[in-house]
Amino acid sequence: MSSNKLKPTESEIEILQILWEHGPQNVRFINDKLNEHREVGYTSTLKIMQLMLEKGFLDRDASSRTHIYKAKVNEQKIQGQLLKKFVNTAFRGSAMKMVMSALGNHNPSAEELDEIKDLIKKIEKK
């Protein structure tokens, strides 16, 4: 199955985020990182990662005793897919409503506001 058509579950996203941040890792490392936030059994982590391998989200290097997994999907691509779905579902497809809601419910710092202004300027130039 192509990972282009599949959307990762919340648990799968957690694992992908660890791999995107730390690079290729073994199941024990991933499980330890997950356990920093909530209790997850090693076998549960292993099973999810095996399913992710089947779905095409991960690659596995089995050349040594400890298998090393790495993300096969691009972080920006997955974020884009999830954001598109979220905007369509929660804001009826309106990116403006989402941005206005985010700014209204969040107290952005001066630095964040400057970055938003810079982004708007770049978009306007296109």
PDB file of N, CA and C in Angstrom:
ATOM      1  N   MET A   1       0.827  -1.185   0.000  1.00  0.00           N
ATOM      2  CA  MET A   1       0.000   0.000   0.000  1.00  0.00           C
ATOM      3  C   MET A   1       0.866   1.241   0.000  1.00  0.00           C
ATOM      4  N   SER A   2       0.485   2.229  -0.739  1.00  0.00           N
ATOM      5  CA  SER A   2       1.257   3.467  -0.817  1.00  0.00           C
ATOM      6  C   SER A   2       0.974   4.365   0.371  1.00  0.00           C
ATOM      7  N   SER A   3       2.024   4.920   0.975  1.00  0.00           N
ATOM      8  CA  SER A   3       1.849   5.812   2.112  1.00  0.00           C
ATOM      9  C   SER A   3       1.186   7.117   1.699  1.00  0.00           C
ATOM     10  N   ASN A   4       1.144   7.416   0.386  1.00  0.00           N
ATOM     11  CA  ASN A   4       0.498   8.640  -0.088  1.00  0.00           C
ATOM     12  C   ASN A   4      -0.993   8.631   0.209  1.00  0.00           C
ATOM     13  N   LYS A   5      -1.609   7.461   0.211  1.00  0.00           N
ATOM     14  CA  LYS A   5      -3.046   7.360   0.397  1.00  0.00           C
ATOM     15  C   LYS A   5      -3.423   7.160   1.858  1.00  0.00           C
ATOM     16  N   LEU A   6      -2.483   6.788   2.697  1.00  0.00           N
ATOM     17  CA  LEU A   6      -2.755   6.508   4.093  1.00  0.00           C
ATOM     18  C   LEU A   6      -2.439   7.715   4.968  1.00  0.00           C
ATOM     19  N   LYS A   7      -3.249   7.886   5.978  1.00  0.00           N
ATOM     20  CA  LYS A   7      -2.993   8.928   6.958  1.00  0.00           C
ATOM     21  C   LYS A   7      -2.520   8.237   8.240  1.00  0.00           C
ATOM     22  N   PRO A   8      -1.409   8.688   8.798  1.00  0.00           N
ATOM     23  CA  PRO A   8      -0.931   8.055  10.030  1.00  0.00           C
ATOM     24  C   PRO A   8      -1.873   8.330  11.203  1.00  0.00           C
ATOM     25  N   THR A   9      -1.973   7.358  12.095  1.00  0.00           N
ATOM     26  CA  THR A   9      -2.757   7.518  13.316  1.00  0.00           C
ATOM     27  C   THR A   9      -1.978   8.414  14.282  1.00  0.00           C
ATOM     28  N   GLU A  10      -2.619   8.785  15.371  1.00  0.00           N
ATOM     29  CA  GLU A  10      -1.963   9.621  16.378  1.00  0.00           C
ATOM     30  C   GLU A  10      -0.710   8.931  16.936  1.00  0.00           C
ATOM     31  N   SER A  11      -0.810   7.639  17.224  1.00  0.00           N
ATOM     32  CA  SER A  11       0.343   6.885  17.741  1.00  0.00           C
ATOM     33  C   SER A  11       1.465   6.825  16.712  1.00  0.00           C
ATOM     34  N   GLU A  12       1.097   6.663  15.446  1.00  0.00           N
ATOM     35  CA  GLU A  12       2.098   6.603  14.386  1.00  0.00           C
ATOM     36  C   GLU A  12       2.787   7.961  14.219  1.00  0.00           C
ATOM     37  N   ILE A  13       2.035   9.023  14.364  1.00  0.00           N
ATOM     38  CA  ILE A  13       2.626  10.366  14.271  1.00  0.00           C
ATOM     39  C   ILE A  13       3.624  10.589  15.394  1.00  0.00           C
ATOM     40  N   GLU A  14       3.297  10.119  16.592  1.00  0.00           N
ATOM     41  CA  GLU A  14       4.234  10.243  17.718  1.00  0.00           C
ATOM     42  C   GLU A  14       5.564   9.569  17.385  1.00  0.00           C
ATOM     43  N   ILE A  15       5.499   8.384  16.815  1.00  0.00           N
ATOM     44  CA  ILE A  15       6.709   7.638  16.456  1.00  0.00           C
ATOM     45  C   ILE A  15       7.456   8.356  15.340  1.00  0.00           C
ATOM     46  N   LEU A  16       6.730   8.811  14.328  1.00  0.00           N
ATOM     47  CA  LEU A  16       7.371   9.552  13.237  1.00  0.00           C
ATOM     48  C   LEU A  16       8.070  10.799  13.756  1.00  0.00           C
ATOM     49  N   GLN A  17       7.443  11.513  14.678  1.00  0.00           N
ATOM     50  CA  GLN A  17       8.065  12.725  15.217  1.00  0.00           C
ATOM     51  C   GLN A  17       9.387  12.418  15.914  1.00  0.00           C
ATOM     52  N   ILE A  18       9.436  11.310  16.620  1.00  0.00           N
ATOM     53  CA  ILE A  18      10.683  10.910  17.284  1.00  0.00           C
ATOM     54  C   ILE A  18      11.751  10.610  16.235  1.00  0.00           C
ATOM     55  N   LEU A  19      11.377   9.877  15.194  1.00  0.00           N
ATOM     56  CA  LEU A  19      12.343   9.539  14.143  1.00  0.00           C
ATOM     57  C   LEU A  19      12.772  10.778  13.354  1.00  0.00           C
ATOM     58  N   TRP A  20      11.862  11.701  13.089  1.00  0.00           N
ATOM     59  CA  TRP A  20      12.231  12.933  12.385  1.00  0.00           C
ATOM     60  C   TRP A  20      13.203  13.755  13.226  1.00  0.00           C
ATOM     61  N   GLU A  21      13.002  13.759  14.529  1.00  0.00           N
ATOM     62  CA  GLU A  21      13.869  14.550  15.410  1.00  0.00           C
ATOM     63  C   GLU A  21      15.223  13.886  15.673  1.00  0.00           C
ATOM     64  N   HIS A  22      15.214  12.568  15.872  1.00  0.00           N
ATOM     65  CA  HIS A  22      16.428  11.872  16.313  1.00  0.00           C
ATOM     66  C   HIS A  22      17.090  11.013  15.236  1.00  0.00           C
ATOM     67  N   GLY A  23      16.447  10.869  14.091  1.00  0.00           N
ATOM     68  CA  GLY A  23      17.012  10.028  13.047  1.00  0.00           C
ATOM     69  C   GLY A  23      16.729   8.564  13.316  1.00  0.00           C
ATOM     70  N   PRO A  24      17.294   7.670  12.496  1.00  0.00           N
ATOM     71  CA  PRO A  24      17.037   6.232  12.626  1.00  0.00           C
ATOM     72  C   PRO A  24      17.338   5.717  14.037  1.00  0.00           C
ATOM     73  N   GLN A  25      16.423   4.863  14.549  1.00  0.00           N
ATOM     74  CA  GLN A  25      16.540   4.364  15.923  1.00  0.00           C
ATOM     75  C   GLN A  25      15.973   2.960  16.029  1.00  0.00           C
ATOM     76  N   ASN A  26      16.296   2.307  17.145  1.00  0.00           N
ATOM     77  CA  ASN A  26      15.721   0.999  17.426  1.00  0.00           C
ATOM     78  C   ASN A  26      14.421   1.160  18.219  1.00  0.00           C
ATOM     79  N   VAL A  27      13.695   0.071  18.371  1.00  0.00           N
ATOM     80  CA  VAL A  27      12.397   0.105  19.048  1.00  0.00           C
ATOM     81  C   VAL A  27      12.558   0.540  20.502  1.00  0.00           C
ATOM     82  N   ARG A  28      13.596   0.096  21.169  1.00  0.00           N
ATOM     83  CA  ARG A  28      13.806   0.446  22.583  1.00  0.00           C
ATOM     84  C   ARG A  28      13.912   1.965  22.743  1.00  0.00           C
ATOM     85  N   PHE A  29      14.679   2.628  21.887  1.00  0.00           N
ATOM     86  CA  PHE A  29      14.823   4.085  21.962  1.00  0.00           C
ATOM     87  C   PHE A  29      13.464   4.760  21.779  1.00  0.00           C
ATOM     88  N   ILE A  30      12.728   4.325  20.756  1.00  0.00           N
ATOM     89  CA  ILE A  30      11.408   4.900  20.480  1.00  0.00           C
ATOM     90  C   ILE A  30      10.486   4.696  21.678  1.00  0.00           C
ATOM     91  N   ASN A  31      10.484   3.484  22.219  1.00  0.00           N
ATOM     92  CA  ASN A  31       9.630   3.186  23.362  1.00  0.00           C
ATOM     93  C   ASN A  31      10.004   4.032  24.571  1.00  0.00           C
ATOM     94  N   ASP A  32      11.287   4.202  24.820  1.00  0.00           N
ATOM     95  CA  ASP A  32      11.735   5.041  25.938  1.00  0.00           C
ATOM     96  C   ASP A  32      11.262   6.478  25.767  1.00  0.00           C
ATOM     97  N   LYS A  33      11.345   7.007  24.549  1.00  0.00           N
ATOM     98  CA  LYS A  33      10.894   8.375  24.278  1.00  0.00           C
ATOM     99  C   LYS A  33       9.381   8.501  24.476  1.00  0.00           C
ATOM    100  N   LEU A  34       8.628   7.511  24.012  1.00  0.00           N
ATOM    101  CA  LEU A  34       7.174   7.540  24.202  1.00  0.00           C
ATOM    102  C   LEU A  34       6.815   7.513  25.679  1.00  0.00           C
ATOM    103  N   ASN A  35       7.586   6.745  26.454  1.00  0.00           N
ATOM    104  CA  ASN A  35       7.319   6.616  27.885  1.00  0.00           C
ATOM    105  C   ASN A  35       7.657   7.879  28.677  1.00  0.00           C
ATOM    106  N   GLU A  36       8.312   8.832  28.062  1.00  0.00           N
ATOM    107  CA  GLU A  36       8.556  10.117  28.728  1.00  0.00           C
ATOM    108  C   GLU A  36       7.257  10.899  28.881  1.00  0.00           C
ATOM    109  N   HIS A  37       6.250  10.576  28.050  1.00  0.00           N
ATOM    110  CA  HIS A  37       4.984  11.319  28.058  1.00  0.00           C
ATOM    111  C   HIS A  37       3.807  10.492  28.570  1.00  0.00           C
ATOM    112  N   ARG A  38       3.841   9.195  28.314  1.00  0.00           N
ATOM    113  CA  ARG A  38       2.773   8.303  28.765  1.00  0.00           C
ATOM    114  C   ARG A  38       3.324   6.883  28.754  1.00  0.00           C
ATOM    115  N   GLU A  39       2.686   6.010  29.540  1.00  0.00           N
ATOM    116  CA  GLU A  39       3.171   4.638  29.633  1.00  0.00           C
ATOM    117  C   GLU A  39       2.741   3.832  28.412  1.00  0.00           C
ATOM    118  N   VAL A  40       3.739   3.286  27.716  1.00  0.00           N
ATOM    119  CA  VAL A  40       3.507   2.462  26.531  1.00  0.00           C
ATOM    120  C   VAL A  40       4.383   1.228  26.648  1.00  0.00           C
ATOM    121  N   GLY A  41       3.794   0.059  26.470  1.00  0.00           N
ATOM    122  CA  GLY A  41       4.555  -1.183  26.537  1.00  0.00           C
ATOM    123  C   GLY A  41       5.444  -1.356  25.319  1.00  0.00           C
ATOM    124  N   TYR A  42       6.571  -2.006  25.534  1.00  0.00           N
ATOM    125  CA  TYR A  42       7.518  -2.262  24.446  1.00  0.00           C
ATOM    126  C   TYR A  42       6.858  -3.015  23.298  1.00  0.00           C
ATOM    127  N   THR A  43       6.080  -4.055  23.627  1.00  0.00           N
ATOM    128  CA  THR A  43       5.465  -4.851  22.566  1.00  0.00           C
ATOM    129  C   THR A  43       4.433  -4.032  21.785  1.00  0.00           C
ATOM    130  N   SER A  44       3.765  -3.094  22.455  1.00  0.00           N
ATOM    131  CA  SER A  44       2.819  -2.216  21.751  1.00  0.00           C
ATOM    132  C   SER A  44       3.556  -1.332  20.748  1.00  0.00           C
ATOM    133  N   THR A  45       4.682  -0.785  21.190  1.00  0.00           N
ATOM    134  CA  THR A  45       5.487   0.053  20.291  1.00  0.00           C
ATOM    135  C   THR A  45       5.990  -0.762  19.111  1.00  0.00           C
ATOM    136  N   LEU A  46       6.492  -1.956  19.388  1.00  0.00           N
ATOM    137  CA  LEU A  46       6.984  -2.833  18.324  1.00  0.00           C
ATOM    138  C   LEU A  46       5.876  -3.146  17.318  1.00  0.00           C
ATOM    139  N   LYS A  47       4.680  -3.470  17.806  1.00  0.00           N
ATOM    140  CA  LYS A  47       3.564  -3.817  16.918  1.00  0.00           C
ATOM    141  C   LYS A  47       3.183  -2.627  16.032  1.00  0.00           C
ATOM    142  N   ILE A  48       3.107  -1.439  16.623  1.00  0.00           N
ATOM    143  CA  ILE A  48       2.768  -0.242  15.837  1.00  0.00           C
ATOM    144  C   ILE A  48       3.822  -0.010  14.768  1.00  0.00           C
ATOM    145  N   MET A  49       5.091  -0.159  15.129  1.00  0.00           N
ATOM    146  CA  MET A  49       6.173   0.062  14.168  1.00  0.00           C
ATOM    147  C   MET A  49       6.158  -0.995  13.064  1.00  0.00           C
ATOM    148  N   GLN A  50       5.796  -2.225  13.391  1.00  0.00           N
ATOM    149  CA  GLN A  50       5.677  -3.263  12.362  1.00  0.00           C
ATOM    150  C   GLN A  50       4.543  -2.922  11.388  1.00  0.00           C
ATOM    151  N   LEU A  51       3.433  -2.423  11.915  1.00  0.00           N
ATOM    152  CA  LEU A  51       2.323  -1.998  11.059  1.00  0.00           C
ATOM    153  C   LEU A  51       2.725  -0.810  10.186  1.00  0.00           C
ATOM    154  N   MET A  52       3.484   0.110  10.772  1.00  0.00           N
ATOM    155  CA  MET A  52       3.964   1.275  10.018  1.00  0.00           C
ATOM    156  C   MET A  52       4.887   0.844   8.882  1.00  0.00           C
ATOM    157  N   LEU A  53       5.681  -0.185   9.126  1.00  0.00           N
ATOM    158  CA  LEU A  53       6.562  -0.742   8.102  1.00  0.00           C
ATOM    159  C   LEU A  53       5.720  -1.297   6.948  1.00  0.00           C
ATOM    160  N   GLU A  54       4.660  -2.044   7.288  1.00  0.00           N
ATOM    161  CA  GLU A  54       3.766  -2.603   6.270  1.00  0.00           C
ATOM    162  C   GLU A  54       3.057  -1.507   5.474  1.00  0.00           C
ATOM    163  N   LYS A  55       2.689  -0.411   6.144  1.00  0.00           N
ATOM    164  CA  LYS A  55       1.979   0.696   5.487  1.00  0.00           C
ATOM    165  C   LYS A  55       2.905   1.552   4.629  1.00  0.00           C
ATOM    166  N   GLY A  56       4.206   1.374   4.813  1.00  0.00           N
ATOM    167  CA  GLY A  56       5.158   2.159   4.034  1.00  0.00           C
ATOM    168  C   GLY A  56       5.596   3.453   4.702  1.00  0.00           C
ATOM    169  N   PHE A  57       5.316   3.613   5.988  1.00  0.00           N
ATOM    170  CA  PHE A  57       5.736   4.810   6.716  1.00  0.00           C
ATOM    171  C   PHE A  57       7.185   4.701   7.197  1.00  0.00           C
ATOM    172  N   LEU A  58       7.666   3.468   7.377  1.00  0.00           N
ATOM    173  CA  LEU A  58       9.013   3.233   7.901  1.00  0.00           C
ATOM    174  C   LEU A  58       9.801   2.300   6.990  1.00  0.00           C
ATOM    175  N   ASP A  59      11.129   2.412   7.097  1.00  0.00           N
ATOM    176  CA  ASP A  59      12.064   1.445   6.533  1.00  0.00           C
ATOM    177  C   ASP A  59      12.765   0.788   7.716  1.00  0.00           C
ATOM    178  N   ARG A  60      13.250  -0.448   7.514  1.00  0.00           N
ATOM    179  CA  ARG A  60      13.941  -1.161   8.594  1.00  0.00           C
ATOM    180  C   ARG A  60      15.239  -1.733   8.076  1.00  0.00           C
ATOM    181  N   ASP A  61      16.302  -1.504   8.835  1.00  0.00           N
ATOM    182  CA  ASP A  61      17.609  -2.106   8.548  1.00  0.00           C
ATOM    183  C   ASP A  61      17.740  -3.299   9.489  1.00  0.00           C
ATOM    184  N   ALA A  62      17.664  -4.494   8.934  1.00  0.00           N
ATOM    185  CA  ALA A  62      17.719  -5.717   9.733  1.00  0.00           C
ATOM    186  C   ALA A  62      19.088  -6.391   9.637  1.00  0.00           C
ATOM    187  N   SER A  63      20.114  -5.633   9.237  1.00  0.00           N
ATOM    188  CA  SER A  63      21.430  -6.235   9.039  1.00  0.00           C
ATOM    189  C   SER A  63      22.140  -6.564  10.354  1.00  0.00           C
ATOM    190  N   SER A  64      21.705  -5.969  11.458  1.00  0.00           N
ATOM    191  CA  SER A  64      22.298  -6.306  12.753  1.00  0.00           C
ATOM    192  C   SER A  64      21.216  -6.900  13.657  1.00  0.00           C
ATOM    193  N   ARG A  65      21.625  -7.370  14.816  1.00  0.00           N
ATOM    194  CA  ARG A  65      20.691  -8.004  15.752  1.00  0.00           C
ATOM    195  C   ARG A  65      19.588  -7.030  16.158  1.00  0.00           C
ATOM    196  N   THR A  66      19.953  -5.776  16.385  1.00  0.00           N
ATOM    197  CA  THR A  66      18.985  -4.737  16.736  1.00  0.00           C
ATOM    198  C   THR A  66      18.535  -4.054  15.456  1.00  0.00           C
ATOM    199  N   HIS A  67      17.285  -4.213  15.118  1.00  0.00           N
ATOM    200  CA  HIS A  67      16.755  -3.596  13.908  1.00  0.00           C
ATOM    201  C   HIS A  67      16.633  -2.087  14.098  1.00  0.00           C
ATOM    202  N   ILE A  68      17.029  -1.369  13.074  1.00  0.00           N
ATOM    203  CA  ILE A  68      16.980   0.095  13.107  1.00  0.00           C
ATOM    204  C   ILE A  68      15.894   0.554  12.133  1.00  0.00           C
ATOM    205  N   TYR A  69      15.020   1.400  12.642  1.00  0.00           N
ATOM    206  CA  TYR A  69      13.914   1.922  11.830  1.00  0.00           C
ATOM    207  C   TYR A  69      14.172   3.381  11.502  1.00  0.00           C
ATOM    208  N   LYS A  70      13.735   3.782  10.310  1.00  0.00           N
ATOM    209  CA  LYS A  70      13.808   5.189   9.938  1.00  0.00           C
ATOM    210  C   LYS A  70      12.524   5.583   9.224  1.00  0.00           C
ATOM    211  N   ALA A  71      12.200   6.859   9.335  1.00  0.00           N
ATOM    212  CA  ALA A  71      10.996   7.371   8.683  1.00  0.00           C
ATOM    213  C   ALA A  71      11.187   7.316   7.174  1.00  0.00           C
ATOM    214  N   LYS A  72      10.195   6.806   6.490  1.00  0.00           N
ATOM    215  CA  LYS A  72      10.232   6.719   5.039  1.00  0.00           C
ATOM    216  C   LYS A  72       9.417   7.861   4.418  1.00  0.00           C
ATOM    217  N   VAL A  73       8.619   8.513   5.244  1.00  0.00           N
ATOM    218  CA  VAL A  73       7.764   9.605   4.769  1.00  0.00           C
ATOM    219  C   VAL A  73       8.342  10.946   5.222  1.00  0.00           C
ATOM    220  N   ASN A  74       8.100  11.948   4.416  1.00  0.00           N
ATOM    221  CA  ASN A  74       8.615  13.292   4.655  1.00  0.00           C
ATOM    222  C   ASN A  74       7.752  14.023   5.680  1.00  0.00           C
ATOM    223  N   GLU A  75       8.411  14.663   6.633  1.00  0.00           N
ATOM    224  CA  GLU A  75       7.699  15.373   7.704  1.00  0.00           C
ATOM    225  C   GLU A  75       6.775  16.457   7.147  1.00  0.00           C
ATOM    226  N   GLN A  76       7.278  17.286   6.228  1.00  0.00           N
ATOM    227  CA  GLN A  76       6.474  18.373   5.674  1.00  0.00           C
ATOM    228  C   GLN A  76       5.273  17.841   4.887  1.00  0.00           C
ATOM    229  N   LYS A  77       5.464  16.734   4.197  1.00  0.00           N
ATOM    230  CA  LYS A  77       4.373  16.146   3.415  1.00  0.00           C
ATOM    231  C   LYS A  77       3.254  15.663   4.342  1.00  0.00           C
ATOM    232  N   ILE A  78       3.619  14.971   5.403  1.00  0.00           N
ATOM    233  CA  ILE A  78       2.618  14.480   6.363  1.00  0.00           C
ATOM    234  C   ILE A  78       1.936  15.653   7.048  1.00  0.00           C
ATOM    235  N   GLN A  79       2.715  16.649   7.461  1.00  0.00           N
ATOM    236  CA  GLN A  79       2.116  17.829   8.086  1.00  0.00           C
ATOM    237  C   GLN A  79       1.137  18.504   7.136  1.00  0.00           C
ATOM    238  N   GLY A  80       1.496  18.598   5.875  1.00  0.00           N
ATOM    239  CA  GLY A  80       0.618  19.202   4.881  1.00  0.00           C
ATOM    240  C   GLY A  80      -0.681  18.433   4.725  1.00  0.00           C
ATOM    241  N   GLN A  81      -0.586  17.098   4.665  1.00  0.00           N
ATOM    242  CA  GLN A  81      -1.784  16.257   4.544  1.00  0.00           C
ATOM    243  C   GLN A  81      -2.694  16.436   5.756  1.00  0.00           C
ATOM    244  N   LEU A  82      -2.092  16.409   6.942  1.00  0.00           N
ATOM    245  CA  LEU A  82      -2.879  16.533   8.164  1.00  0.00           C
ATOM    246  C   LEU A  82      -3.495  17.923   8.288  1.00  0.00           C
ATOM    247  N   LEU A  83      -2.732  18.936   7.923  1.00  0.00           N
ATOM    248  CA  LEU A  83      -3.250  20.303   8.000  1.00  0.00           C
ATOM    249  C   LEU A  83      -4.408  20.505   7.033  1.00  0.00           C
ATOM    250  N   LYS A  84      -4.265  19.984   5.826  1.00  0.00           N
ATOM    251  CA  LYS A  84      -5.336  20.106   4.830  1.00  0.00           C
ATOM    252  C   LYS A  84      -6.615  19.449   5.344  1.00  0.00           C
ATOM    253  N   LYS A  85      -6.474  18.255   5.898  1.00  0.00           N
ATOM    254  CA  LYS A  85      -7.641  17.550   6.441  1.00  0.00           C
ATOM    255  C   LYS A  85      -8.253  18.349   7.593  1.00  0.00           C
ATOM    256  N   PHE A  86      -7.405  18.872   8.470  1.00  0.00           N
ATOM    257  CA  PHE A  86      -7.878  19.648   9.620  1.00  0.00           C
ATOM    258  C   PHE A  86      -8.618  20.905   9.166  1.00  0.00           C
ATOM    259  N   VAL A  87      -8.055  21.644   8.225  1.00  0.00           N
ATOM    260  CA  VAL A  87      -8.690  22.866   7.723  1.00  0.00           C
ATOM    261  C   VAL A  87     -10.034  22.523   7.081  1.00  0.00           C
ATOM    262  N   ASN A  88     -10.056  21.479   6.284  1.00  0.00           N
ATOM    263  CA  ASN A  88     -11.303  21.081   5.632  1.00  0.00           C
ATOM    264  C   ASN A  88     -12.366  20.640   6.634  1.00  0.00           C
ATOM    265  N   THR A  89     -11.948  19.909   7.657  1.00  0.00           N
ATOM    266  CA  THR A  89     -12.889  19.370   8.632  1.00  0.00           C
ATOM    267  C   THR A  89     -13.340  20.418   9.645  1.00  0.00           C
ATOM    268  N   ALA A  90     -12.396  21.111  10.257  1.00  0.00           N
ATOM    269  CA  ALA A  90     -12.718  22.019  11.350  1.00  0.00           C
ATOM    270  C   ALA A  90     -13.112  23.420  10.899  1.00  0.00           C
ATOM    271  N   PHE A  91     -12.624  23.847   9.734  1.00  0.00           N
ATOM    272  CA  PHE A  91     -12.853  25.230   9.301  1.00  0.00           C
ATOM    273  C   PHE A  91     -13.512  25.323   7.928  1.00  0.00           C
ATOM    274  N   ARG A  92     -14.168  24.228   7.516  1.00  0.00           N
ATOM    275  CA  ARG A  92     -14.870  24.169   6.235  1.00  0.00           C
ATOM    276  C   ARG A  92     -14.008  24.658   5.078  1.00  0.00           C
ATOM    277  N   GLY A  93     -12.732  24.314   5.127  1.00  0.00           N
ATOM    278  CA  GLY A  93     -11.819  24.626   4.032  1.00  0.00           C
ATOM    279  C   GLY A  93     -11.236  26.025   4.052  1.00  0.00           C
ATOM    280  N   SER A  94     -11.544  26.816   5.058  1.00  0.00           N
ATOM    281  CA  SER A  94     -11.076  28.197   5.108  1.00  0.00           C
ATOM    282  C   SER A  94      -9.795  28.328   5.940  1.00  0.00           C
ATOM    283  N   ALA A  95      -8.676  28.537   5.256  1.00  0.00           N
ATOM    284  CA  ALA A  95      -7.405  28.743   5.959  1.00  0.00           C
ATOM    285  C   ALA A  95      -7.469  30.035   6.773  1.00  0.00           C
ATOM    286  N   MET A  96      -8.170  31.047   6.250  1.00  0.00           N
ATOM    287  CA  MET A  96      -8.286  32.313   6.973  1.00  0.00           C
ATOM    288  C   MET A  96      -8.971  32.111   8.325  1.00  0.00           C
ATOM    289  N   LYS A  97     -10.059  31.338   8.349  1.00  0.00           N
ATOM    290  CA  LYS A  97     -10.755  31.081   9.615  1.00  0.00           C
ATOM    291  C   LYS A  97      -9.827  30.375  10.597  1.00  0.00           C
ATOM    292  N   MET A  98      -9.026  29.446  10.084  1.00  0.00           N
ATOM    293  CA  MET A  98      -8.108  28.727  10.953  1.00  0.00           C
ATOM    294  C   MET A  98      -7.063  29.671  11.540  1.00  0.00           C
ATOM    295  N   VAL A  99      -6.480  30.504  10.694  1.00  0.00           N
ATOM    296  CA  VAL A  99      -5.445  31.441  11.162  1.00  0.00           C
ATOM    297  C   VAL A  99      -6.034  32.427  12.163  1.00  0.00           C
ATOM    298  N   MET A 100      -7.209  32.960  11.846  1.00  0.00           N
ATOM    299  CA  MET A 100      -7.845  33.915  12.756  1.00  0.00           C
ATOM    300  C   MET A 100      -8.166  33.255  14.096  1.00  0.00           C
ATOM    301  N   SER A 101      -8.631  32.029  14.052  1.00  0.00           N
ATOM    302  CA  SER A 101      -8.925  31.296  15.278  1.00  0.00           C
ATOM    303  C   SER A 101      -7.648  31.045  16.077  1.00  0.00           C
ATOM    304  N   ALA A 102      -6.596  30.633  15.376  1.00  0.00           N
ATOM    305  CA  ALA A 102      -5.326  30.364  16.060  1.00  0.00           C
ATOM    306  C   ALA A 102      -4.784  31.631  16.717  1.00  0.00           C
ATOM    307  N   LEU A 103      -4.843  32.754  16.007  1.00  0.00           N
ATOM    308  CA  LEU A 103      -4.334  34.004  16.570  1.00  0.00           C
ATOM    309  C   LEU A 103      -5.223  34.508  17.697  1.00  0.00           C
ATOM    310  N   GLY A 104      -6.521  34.255  17.590  1.00  0.00           N
ATOM    311  CA  GLY A 104      -7.448  34.685  18.623  1.00  0.00           C
ATOM    312  C   GLY A 104      -7.357  33.859  19.893  1.00  0.00           C
ATOM    313  N   ASN A 105      -6.954  32.604  19.763  1.00  0.00           N
ATOM    314  CA  ASN A 105      -6.863  31.711  20.922  1.00  0.00           C
ATOM    315  C   ASN A 105      -5.447  31.547  21.449  1.00  0.00           C
ATOM    316  N   HIS A 106      -4.530  32.252  20.865  1.00  0.00           N
ATOM    317  CA  HIS A 106      -3.115  32.131  21.239  1.00  0.00           C
ATOM    318  C   HIS A 106      -2.563  33.540  21.384  1.00  0.00           C
ATOM    319  N   ASN A 107      -1.737  33.742  22.352  1.00  0.00           N
ATOM    320  CA  ASN A 107      -1.120  35.042  22.563  1.00  0.00           C
ATOM    321  C   ASN A 107       0.249  35.036  21.890  1.00  0.00           C
ATOM    322  N   PRO A 108       0.318  35.364  20.589  1.00  0.00           N
ATOM    323  CA  PRO A 108       1.607  35.276  19.899  1.00  0.00           C
ATOM    324  C   PRO A 108       2.611  36.290  20.437  1.00  0.00           C
ATOM    325  N   SER A 109       3.865  35.868  20.477  1.00  0.00           N
ATOM    326  CA  SER A 109       4.940  36.765  20.911  1.00  0.00           C
ATOM    327  C   SER A 109       5.223  37.764  19.784  1.00  0.00           C
ATOM    328  N   ALA A 110       5.967  38.811  20.120  1.00  0.00           N
ATOM    329  CA  ALA A 110       6.351  39.803  19.109  1.00  0.00           C
ATOM    330  C   ALA A 110       7.153  39.123  17.998  1.00  0.00           C
ATOM    331  N   GLU A 111       7.992  38.157  18.363  1.00  0.00           N
ATOM    332  CA  GLU A 111       8.795  37.430  17.379  1.00  0.00           C
ATOM    333  C   GLU A 111       7.905  36.623  16.436  1.00  0.00           C
ATOM    334  N   GLU A 112       6.892  35.955  16.999  1.00  0.00           N
ATOM    335  CA  GLU A 112       5.966  35.182  16.166  1.00  0.00           C
ATOM    336  C   GLU A 112       5.196  36.098  15.220  1.00  0.00           C
ATOM    337  N   LEU A 113       4.757  37.250  15.722  1.00  0.00           N
ATOM    338  CA  LEU A 113       4.030  38.200  14.876  1.00  0.00           C
ATOM    339  C   LEU A 113       4.920  38.707  13.740  1.00  0.00           C
ATOM    340  N   ASP A 114       6.188  38.951  14.043  1.00  0.00           N
ATOM    341  CA  ASP A 114       7.127  39.392  12.996  1.00  0.00           C
ATOM    342  C   ASP A 114       7.282  38.307  11.926  1.00  0.00           C
ATOM    343  N   GLU A 115       7.369  37.047  12.353  1.00  0.00           N
ATOM    344  CA  GLU A 115       7.490  35.946  11.398  1.00  0.00           C
ATOM    345  C   GLU A 115       6.240  35.836  10.534  1.00  0.00           C
ATOM    346  N   ILE A 116       5.072  36.030  11.138  1.00  0.00           N
ATOM    347  CA  ILE A 116       3.813  35.986  10.390  1.00  0.00           C
ATOM    348  C   ILE A 116       3.784  37.123   9.362  1.00  0.00           C
ATOM    349  N   LYS A 117       4.202  38.312   9.772  1.00  0.00           N
ATOM    350  CA  LYS A 117       4.243  39.461   8.853  1.00  0.00           C
ATOM    351  C   LYS A 117       5.197  39.189   7.696  1.00  0.00           C
ATOM    352  N   ASP A 118       6.359  38.621   7.996  1.00  0.00           N
ATOM    353  CA  ASP A 118       7.329  38.285   6.944  1.00  0.00           C
ATOM    354  C   ASP A 118       6.746  37.260   5.971  1.00  0.00           C
ATOM    355  N   LEU A 119       6.035  36.279   6.495  1.00  0.00           N
ATOM    356  CA  LEU A 119       5.413  35.276   5.642  1.00  0.00           C
ATOM    357  C   LEU A 119       4.366  35.913   4.728  1.00  0.00           C
ATOM    358  N   ILE A 120       3.565  36.804   5.278  1.00  0.00           N
ATOM    359  CA  ILE A 120       2.547  37.496   4.471  1.00  0.00           C
ATOM    360  C   ILE A 120       3.211  38.294   3.360  1.00  0.00           C
ATOM    361  N   LYS A 121       4.294  38.980   3.666  1.00  0.00           N
ATOM    362  CA  LYS A 121       5.021  39.757   2.648  1.00  0.00           C
ATOM    363  C   LYS A 121       5.539  38.848   1.527  1.00  0.00           C
ATOM    364  N   LYS A 122       6.087  37.685   1.903  1.00  0.00           N
ATOM    365  CA  LYS A 122       6.592  36.736   0.901  1.00  0.00           C
ATOM    366  C   LYS A 122       5.456  36.229   0.025  1.00  0.00           C
ATOM    367  N   ILE A 123       4.307  35.944   0.615  1.00  0.00           N
ATOM    368  CA  ILE A 123       3.153  35.463  -0.145  1.00  0.00           C
ATOM    369  C   ILE A 123       2.661  36.535  -1.094  1.00  0.00           C
ATOM    370  N   GLU A 124       2.622  37.770  -0.635  1.00  0.00           N
ATOM    371  CA  GLU A 124       2.160  38.886  -1.472  1.00  0.00           C
ATOM    372  C   GLU A 124       3.072  39.123  -2.666  1.00  0.00           C
ATOM    373  N   LYS A 125       4.361  38.866  -2.518  1.00  0.00           N
ATOM    374  CA  LYS A 125       5.321  39.069  -3.602  1.00  0.00           C
ATOM    375  C   LYS A 125       5.163  38.027  -4.718  1.00  0.00           C
ATOM    376  N   LYS A 126       4.604  36.874  -4.379  1.00  0.00           N
ATOM    377  CA  LYS A 126       4.449  35.786  -5.367  1.00  0.00           C
ATOM    378  C   LYS A 126       3.423  36.122  -6.353  1.00  0.00           C
TER     379      LYS A 126
END
